[in-house]
Amino acid sequence: MSRLEIILSAILLVSLVFNVGMLIYARSAIIRLLSISEELGDLQSMVESFAAHVQSIYELEMYYGDNTLKFLLDHASSFSEQLTTFEYIYSLTAEEEQTQLKETIDEEQATQVE
């Protein structure tokens, strides 16, 4: 082997190791991003559910007009609105879940028809 072949082989080896490393890193980064996306989506739905629950309690006769509940409702609503700024993140997995839900519904309907 000539000296040039050895240098080119070493560069090729370094390039392969670097590319494999970058592939592994990119895959793990995407997995973490999707995990965070799912968690933010769950958090958004929990906050919306909490706000709806506080709203329903606030509308009860015995609590209607209670300032503490009103402030709690306002706080929950503003927190929910703040979470919507992250919608671009948790919408990554929401589309995937909607597709899976549609497929499940289609399968159930096909089973019922038979």
C-alpha atoms as a PDB file:
ATOM      1  CA  MET A   1       0.000   0.000   0.000  1.00  0.00           C
ATOM      2  CA  SER A   2       1.284   3.376  -0.890  1.00  0.00           C
ATOM      3  CA  ARG A   3       1.324   6.283   1.486  1.00  0.00           C
ATOM      4  CA  LEU A   4      -1.539   7.986  -0.380  1.00  0.00           C
ATOM      5  CA  GLU A   5      -3.740   4.889  -0.042  1.00  0.00           C
ATOM      6  CA  ILE A   6      -3.064   4.749   3.694  1.00  0.00           C
ATOM      7  CA  ILE A   7      -3.964   8.431   4.129  1.00  0.00           C
ATOM      8  CA  LEU A   8      -7.149   8.047   2.057  1.00  0.00           C
ATOM      9  CA  SER A   9      -8.117   4.916   3.989  1.00  0.00           C
ATOM     10  CA  ALA A  10      -7.608   6.748   7.293  1.00  0.00           C
ATOM     11  CA  ILE A  11      -9.709   9.690   6.081  1.00  0.00           C
ATOM     12  CA  LEU A  12     -12.414   7.282   4.920  1.00  0.00           C
ATOM     13  CA  LEU A  13     -12.437   5.544   8.291  1.00  0.00           C
ATOM     14  CA  VAL A  14     -12.668   8.846  10.169  1.00  0.00           C
ATOM     15  CA  SER A  15     -15.465   9.980   7.852  1.00  0.00           C
ATOM     16  CA  LEU A  16     -17.410   6.747   8.369  1.00  0.00           C
ATOM     17  CA  VAL A  17     -17.081   6.959  12.148  1.00  0.00           C
ATOM     18  CA  PHE A  18     -18.154  10.615  12.091  1.00  0.00           C
ATOM     19  CA  ASN A  19     -21.181   9.915   9.859  1.00  0.00           C
ATOM     20  CA  VAL A  20     -22.325   6.965  11.965  1.00  0.00           C
ATOM     21  CA  GLY A  21     -21.935   9.099  15.092  1.00  0.00           C
ATOM     22  CA  MET A  22     -23.969  11.900  13.549  1.00  0.00           C
ATOM     23  CA  LEU A  23     -26.674   9.431  12.507  1.00  0.00           C
ATOM     24  CA  ILE A  24     -26.940   8.040  16.039  1.00  0.00           C
ATOM     25  CA  TYR A  25     -27.020  11.555  17.513  1.00  0.00           C
ATOM     26  CA  ALA A  26     -29.700  12.751  15.052  1.00  0.00           C
ATOM     27  CA  ARG A  27     -31.856   9.704  15.783  1.00  0.00           C
ATOM     28  CA  SER A  28     -31.644  10.225  19.546  1.00  0.00           C
ATOM     29  CA  ALA A  29     -32.376  13.949  19.172  1.00  0.00           C
ATOM     30  CA  ILE A  30     -35.488  13.204  17.109  1.00  0.00           C
ATOM     31  CA  ILE A  31     -36.668  10.637  19.649  1.00  0.00           C
ATOM     32  CA  ARG A  32     -36.231  13.162  22.482  1.00  0.00           C
ATOM     33  CA  LEU A  33     -38.066  15.843  20.484  1.00  0.00           C
ATOM     34  CA  LEU A  34     -41.009  13.536  19.830  1.00  0.00           C
ATOM     35  CA  SER A  35     -41.119  12.549  23.493  1.00  0.00           C
ATOM     36  CA  ILE A  36     -41.187  16.197  24.553  1.00  0.00           C
ATOM     37  CA  SER A  37     -43.843  16.857  21.938  1.00  0.00           C
ATOM     38  CA  GLU A  38     -46.078  14.151  23.381  1.00  0.00           C
ATOM     39  CA  GLU A  39     -45.573  15.414  26.922  1.00  0.00           C
ATOM     40  CA  LEU A  40     -46.412  19.006  25.966  1.00  0.00           C
ATOM     41  CA  GLY A  41     -49.547  17.813  24.199  1.00  0.00           C
ATOM     42  CA  ASP A  42     -50.597  15.890  27.299  1.00  0.00           C
ATOM     43  CA  LEU A  43     -49.870  18.912  29.488  1.00  0.00           C
ATOM     44  CA  GLN A  44     -51.961  21.132  27.206  1.00  0.00           C
ATOM     45  CA  SER A  45     -54.931  18.770  27.384  1.00  0.00           C
ATOM     46  CA  MET A  46     -54.600  18.489  31.177  1.00  0.00           C
ATOM     47  CA  VAL A  47     -54.591  22.273  31.595  1.00  0.00           C
ATOM     48  CA  GLU A  48     -57.616  22.636  29.308  1.00  0.00           C
ATOM     49  CA  SER A  49     -59.424  19.938  31.288  1.00  0.00           C
ATOM     50  CA  PHE A  50     -58.529  21.662  34.564  1.00  0.00           C
ATOM     51  CA  ALA A  51     -59.771  25.022  33.257  1.00  0.00           C
ATOM     52  CA  ALA A  52     -63.036  23.438  32.141  1.00  0.00           C
ATOM     53  CA  HIS A  53     -63.448  21.780  35.541  1.00  0.00           C
ATOM     54  CA  VAL A  54     -62.844  25.035  37.417  1.00  0.00           C
ATOM     55  CA  GLN A  55     -65.281  26.777  35.038  1.00  0.00           C
ATOM     56  CA  SER A  56     -67.967  24.198  35.803  1.00  0.00           C
ATOM     57  CA  ILE A  57     -67.410  24.608  39.560  1.00  0.00           C
ATOM     58  CA  TYR A  58     -67.430  28.395  39.243  1.00  0.00           C
ATOM     59  CA  GLU A  59     -70.800  28.239  37.506  1.00  0.00           C
ATOM     60  CA  LEU A  60     -72.404  26.288  40.362  1.00  0.00           C
ATOM     61  CA  GLU A  61     -74.880  28.313  42.414  1.00  0.00           C
ATOM     62  CA  MET A  62     -73.030  28.013  45.694  1.00  0.00           C
ATOM     63  CA  TYR A  63     -69.715  29.207  44.196  1.00  0.00           C
ATOM     64  CA  TYR A  64     -70.958  31.699  41.606  1.00  0.00           C
ATOM     65  CA  GLY A  65     -69.124  34.991  42.011  1.00  0.00           C
ATOM     66  CA  ASP A  66     -66.381  33.608  44.296  1.00  0.00           C
ATOM     67  CA  ASN A  67     -63.296  35.712  43.646  1.00  0.00           C
ATOM     68  CA  THR A  68     -60.839  32.947  44.524  1.00  0.00           C
ATOM     69  CA  LEU A  69     -62.355  30.617  41.946  1.00  0.00           C
ATOM     70  CA  LYS A  70     -62.514  33.465  39.436  1.00  0.00           C
ATOM     71  CA  PHE A  71     -58.780  34.147  39.858  1.00  0.00           C
ATOM     72  CA  LEU A  72     -58.040  30.423  39.638  1.00  0.00           C
ATOM     73  CA  LEU A  73     -60.080  30.207  36.447  1.00  0.00           C
ATOM     74  CA  ASP A  74     -58.299  33.228  34.972  1.00  0.00           C
ATOM     75  CA  HIS A  75     -54.927  31.762  35.891  1.00  0.00           C
ATOM     76  CA  ALA A  76     -55.762  28.389  34.324  1.00  0.00           C
ATOM     77  CA  SER A  77     -57.016  30.100  31.171  1.00  0.00           C
ATOM     78  CA  SER A  78     -53.923  32.267  30.825  1.00  0.00           C
ATOM     79  CA  PHE A  79     -51.687  29.243  31.433  1.00  0.00           C
ATOM     80  CA  SER A  80     -53.548  27.349  28.719  1.00  0.00           C
ATOM     81  CA  GLU A  81     -53.120  30.283  26.337  1.00  0.00           C
ATOM     82  CA  GLN A  82     -49.401  30.414  27.135  1.00  0.00           C
ATOM     83  CA  LEU A  83     -49.076  26.716  26.299  1.00  0.00           C
ATOM     84  CA  THR A  84     -50.578  27.331  22.872  1.00  0.00           C
ATOM     85  CA  THR A  85     -47.355  29.143  21.969  1.00  0.00           C
ATOM     86  CA  PHE A  86     -45.740  25.702  21.979  1.00  0.00           C
ATOM     87  CA  GLU A  87     -48.358  24.247  19.647  1.00  0.00           C
ATOM     88  CA  TYR A  88     -45.832  23.851  16.852  1.00  0.00           C
ATOM     89  CA  ILE A  89     -43.981  21.362  19.077  1.00  0.00           C
ATOM     90  CA  TYR A  90     -46.833  19.218  20.321  1.00  0.00           C
ATOM     91  CA  SER A  91     -48.580  19.262  16.959  1.00  0.00           C
ATOM     92  CA  LEU A  92     -45.762  17.012  15.693  1.00  0.00           C
ATOM     93  CA  THR A  93     -47.262  14.013  17.457  1.00  0.00           C
ATOM     94  CA  ALA A  94     -50.888  15.154  17.350  1.00  0.00           C
ATOM     95  CA  GLU A  95     -51.051  14.534  13.600  1.00  0.00           C
ATOM     96  CA  GLU A  96     -49.605  11.076  14.111  1.00  0.00           C
ATOM     97  CA  GLU A  97     -52.150  10.270  16.838  1.00  0.00           C
ATOM     98  CA  GLN A  98     -55.035  11.530  14.682  1.00  0.00           C
ATOM     99  CA  THR A  99     -53.937   9.296  11.813  1.00  0.00           C
ATOM    100  CA  GLN A 100     -53.762   6.287  14.134  1.00  0.00           C
ATOM    101  CA  LEU A 101     -57.184   7.135  15.587  1.00  0.00           C
ATOM    102  CA  LYS A 102     -58.724   7.361  12.103  1.00  0.00           C
ATOM    103  CA  GLU A 103     -57.204   4.013  11.148  1.00  0.00           C
ATOM    104  CA  THR A 104     -58.577   2.420  14.327  1.00  0.00           C
ATOM    105  CA  ILE A 105     -62.058   3.831  13.685  1.00  0.00           C
ATOM    106  CA  ASP A 106     -61.961   2.624  10.077  1.00  0.00           C
ATOM    107  CA  GLU A 107     -60.957  -0.869  11.221  1.00  0.00           C
ATOM    108  CA  GLU A 108     -63.765  -0.956  13.800  1.00  0.00           C
ATOM    109  CA  GLN A 109     -66.307   0.167  11.222  1.00  0.00           C
ATOM    110  CA  ALA A 110     -65.093  -2.473   8.779  1.00  0.00           C
ATOM    111  CA  THR A 111     -65.411  -5.118  11.492  1.00  0.00           C
ATOM    112  CA  GLN A 112     -68.942  -4.001  12.355  1.00  0.00           C
ATOM    113  CA  VAL A 113     -70.068  -4.131   8.709  1.00  0.00           C
ATOM    114  CA  GLU A 114     -68.948  -7.761   8.405  1.00  0.00           C
END
